[in-house]
Amino acid sequence: MKKINCRVRFISFEPLYEDVSDKVDLEGIDWVIVGGETCNGKTTFIPEQEWIENLYDLADVSGTTVFCKDNLEPPCGWEKGLNEVRREFPKV
């Protein structure tokens, strides 16, 4: 992997179309942004709760902060809400 000097390393999963927890390594990533798909200000796709919770678990292990976009706040079409909609910012 090429070394790049930067202040904050982040990945945006917006929109999050699938569970990426078995495909992503967050080691060395400071910040993750997660959201659904919007078009003309309306939410058109909402990721599964489990996919987001799996990202939370990965982030907790690697010490990565998580910011969930507004379109993931209740009510957003889930039968039950996320235990927590995170709005964290990286420590710089």
C-alpha atoms as a PDB file:
ATOM      1  CA  MET A   1       0.000   0.000   0.000  1.00  0.00           C
ATOM      2  CA  LYS A   2       1.284   3.460  -0.907  1.00  0.00           C
ATOM      3  CA  LYS A   3       1.972   5.738   2.070  1.00  0.00           C
ATOM      4  CA  ILE A   4       0.162   9.065   1.929  1.00  0.00           C
ATOM      5  CA  ASN A   5       0.613  11.861   4.437  1.00  0.00           C
ATOM      6  CA  CYS A   6      -2.770  13.248   5.417  1.00  0.00           C
ATOM      7  CA  ARG A   7      -4.454  14.541   8.515  1.00  0.00           C
ATOM      8  CA  VAL A   8      -7.614  12.394   8.403  1.00  0.00           C
ATOM      9  CA  ARG A   9      -8.116   9.160   6.512  1.00  0.00           C
ATOM     10  CA  PHE A  10     -11.765   8.397   5.840  1.00  0.00           C
ATOM     11  CA  ILE A  11     -14.054   6.144   3.832  1.00  0.00           C
ATOM     12  CA  SER A  12     -17.532   7.204   2.735  1.00  0.00           C
ATOM     13  CA  PHE A  13     -20.060   4.387   2.446  1.00  0.00           C
ATOM     14  CA  GLU A  14     -22.713   6.546   0.871  1.00  0.00           C
ATOM     15  CA  PRO A  15     -24.841   4.982  -0.239  1.00  0.00           C
ATOM     16  CA  LEU A  16     -24.196   1.725   1.583  1.00  0.00           C
ATOM     17  CA  TYR A  17     -25.638  -0.877  -0.805  1.00  0.00           C
ATOM     18  CA  GLU A  18     -24.439  -4.051   0.906  1.00  0.00           C
ATOM     19  CA  ASP A  19     -22.791  -5.478   3.994  1.00  0.00           C
ATOM     20  CA  VAL A  20     -19.101  -4.630   3.580  1.00  0.00           C
ATOM     21  CA  SER A  21     -17.939  -5.886   6.966  1.00  0.00           C
ATOM     22  CA  ASP A  22     -16.209  -8.932   5.463  1.00  0.00           C
ATOM     23  CA  LYS A  23     -14.570  -6.863   2.693  1.00  0.00           C
ATOM     24  CA  VAL A  24     -13.183  -3.845   4.567  1.00  0.00           C
ATOM     25  CA  ASP A  25     -10.290  -3.340   6.955  1.00  0.00           C
ATOM     26  CA  LEU A  26     -10.644  -0.097   8.912  1.00  0.00           C
ATOM     27  CA  GLU A  27      -7.181  -0.295  10.477  1.00  0.00           C
ATOM     28  CA  GLY A  28      -5.558   3.118   9.960  1.00  0.00           C
ATOM     29  CA  ILE A  29      -8.870   4.745   8.969  1.00  0.00           C
ATOM     30  CA  ASP A  30      -9.873   7.667  11.209  1.00  0.00           C
ATOM     31  CA  TRP A  31     -13.439   8.216  10.102  1.00  0.00           C
ATOM     32  CA  VAL A  32     -16.289   6.371   8.368  1.00  0.00           C
ATOM     33  CA  ILE A  33     -19.277   8.163   6.860  1.00  0.00           C
ATOM     34  CA  VAL A  34     -22.422   6.081   6.289  1.00  0.00           C
ATOM     35  CA  GLY A  35     -25.625   6.983   4.477  1.00  0.00           C
ATOM     36  CA  GLY A  36     -28.480   5.905   2.292  1.00  0.00           C
ATOM     37  CA  GLU A  37     -29.163   6.999  -1.258  1.00  0.00           C
ATOM     38  CA  THR A  38     -30.985  10.248  -1.941  1.00  0.00           C
ATOM     39  CA  CYS A  39     -32.320  11.800  -5.117  1.00  0.00           C
ATOM     40  CA  ASN A  40     -33.711  15.336  -5.260  1.00  0.00           C
ATOM     41  CA  GLY A  41     -33.727  15.499  -1.470  1.00  0.00           C
ATOM     42  CA  LYS A  42     -35.720  12.273  -1.012  1.00  0.00           C
ATOM     43  CA  THR A  43     -34.298   9.050   0.357  1.00  0.00           C
ATOM     44  CA  THR A  44     -34.507   6.342  -2.302  1.00  0.00           C
ATOM     45  CA  PHE A  45     -32.491   3.534  -0.664  1.00  0.00           C
ATOM     46  CA  ILE A  46     -31.943   2.757   3.013  1.00  0.00           C
ATOM     47  CA  PRO A  47     -29.252   0.238   3.984  1.00  0.00           C
ATOM     48  CA  GLU A  48     -30.114  -2.697   6.224  1.00  0.00           C
ATOM     49  CA  GLN A  49     -29.679  -1.990   9.927  1.00  0.00           C
ATOM     50  CA  GLU A  50     -27.459  -5.047  10.289  1.00  0.00           C
ATOM     51  CA  TRP A  51     -25.005  -3.684   7.693  1.00  0.00           C
ATOM     52  CA  ILE A  52     -24.585  -0.479   9.697  1.00  0.00           C
ATOM     53  CA  GLU A  53     -24.314  -2.316  13.003  1.00  0.00           C
ATOM     54  CA  ASN A  54     -21.597  -4.519  11.448  1.00  0.00           C
ATOM     55  CA  LEU A  55     -19.686  -1.355  10.460  1.00  0.00           C
ATOM     56  CA  TYR A  56     -20.096  -0.085  14.030  1.00  0.00           C
ATOM     57  CA  ASP A  57     -18.493  -3.308  15.291  1.00  0.00           C
ATOM     58  CA  LEU A  58     -15.558  -2.983  12.878  1.00  0.00           C
ATOM     59  CA  ALA A  59     -15.116   0.674  13.796  1.00  0.00           C
ATOM     60  CA  ASP A  60     -15.113  -0.101  17.518  1.00  0.00           C
ATOM     61  CA  VAL A  61     -12.358  -2.691  17.071  1.00  0.00           C
ATOM     62  CA  SER A  62     -10.169  -0.359  14.999  1.00  0.00           C
ATOM     63  CA  GLY A  63     -10.887   2.849  16.943  1.00  0.00           C
ATOM     64  CA  THR A  64     -12.548   4.475  13.919  1.00  0.00           C
ATOM     65  CA  THR A  65     -15.196   7.159  14.445  1.00  0.00           C
ATOM     66  CA  VAL A  66     -18.531   6.852  12.608  1.00  0.00           C
ATOM     67  CA  PHE A  67     -20.779   9.576  11.233  1.00  0.00           C
ATOM     68  CA  CYS A  68     -24.260   8.576  10.017  1.00  0.00           C
ATOM     69  CA  LYS A  69     -25.973  10.907   7.579  1.00  0.00           C
ATOM     70  CA  ASP A  70     -29.390  12.446   8.250  1.00  0.00           C
ATOM     71  CA  ASN A  71     -31.172   9.927   6.041  1.00  0.00           C
ATOM     72  CA  LEU A  72     -30.417   7.190   8.599  1.00  0.00           C
ATOM     73  CA  GLU A  73     -32.208   8.926  11.457  1.00  0.00           C
ATOM     74  CA  PRO A  74     -35.614   7.597  12.547  1.00  0.00           C
ATOM     75  CA  PRO A  75     -38.042   7.322  10.938  1.00  0.00           C
ATOM     76  CA  CYS A  76     -36.208   5.876   7.971  1.00  0.00           C
ATOM     77  CA  GLY A  77     -38.201   2.779   7.082  1.00  0.00           C
ATOM     78  CA  TRP A  78     -36.730   0.274   9.528  1.00  0.00           C
ATOM     79  CA  GLU A  79     -39.054  -1.772  11.710  1.00  0.00           C
ATOM     80  CA  LYS A  80     -36.862  -0.970  14.692  1.00  0.00           C
ATOM     81  CA  GLY A  81     -34.439   1.902  14.971  1.00  0.00           C
ATOM     82  CA  LEU A  82     -30.699   1.542  15.276  1.00  0.00           C
ATOM     83  CA  ASN A  83     -29.637   1.289  18.894  1.00  0.00           C
ATOM     84  CA  GLU A  84     -27.639   4.421  18.217  1.00  0.00           C
ATOM     85  CA  VAL A  85     -27.283   6.745  15.232  1.00  0.00           C
ATOM     86  CA  ARG A  86     -23.695   7.843  15.599  1.00  0.00           C
ATOM     87  CA  ARG A  87     -22.575  11.383  14.846  1.00  0.00           C
ATOM     88  CA  GLU A  88     -18.897  11.212  15.689  1.00  0.00           C
ATOM     89  CA  PHE A  89     -16.075  13.316  14.285  1.00  0.00           C
ATOM     90  CA  PRO A  90     -12.436  12.253  13.954  1.00  0.00           C
ATOM     91  CA  LYS A  91      -9.948  13.339  16.561  1.00  0.00           C
ATOM     92  CA  VAL A  92      -7.393  15.547  14.821  1.00  0.00           C
END
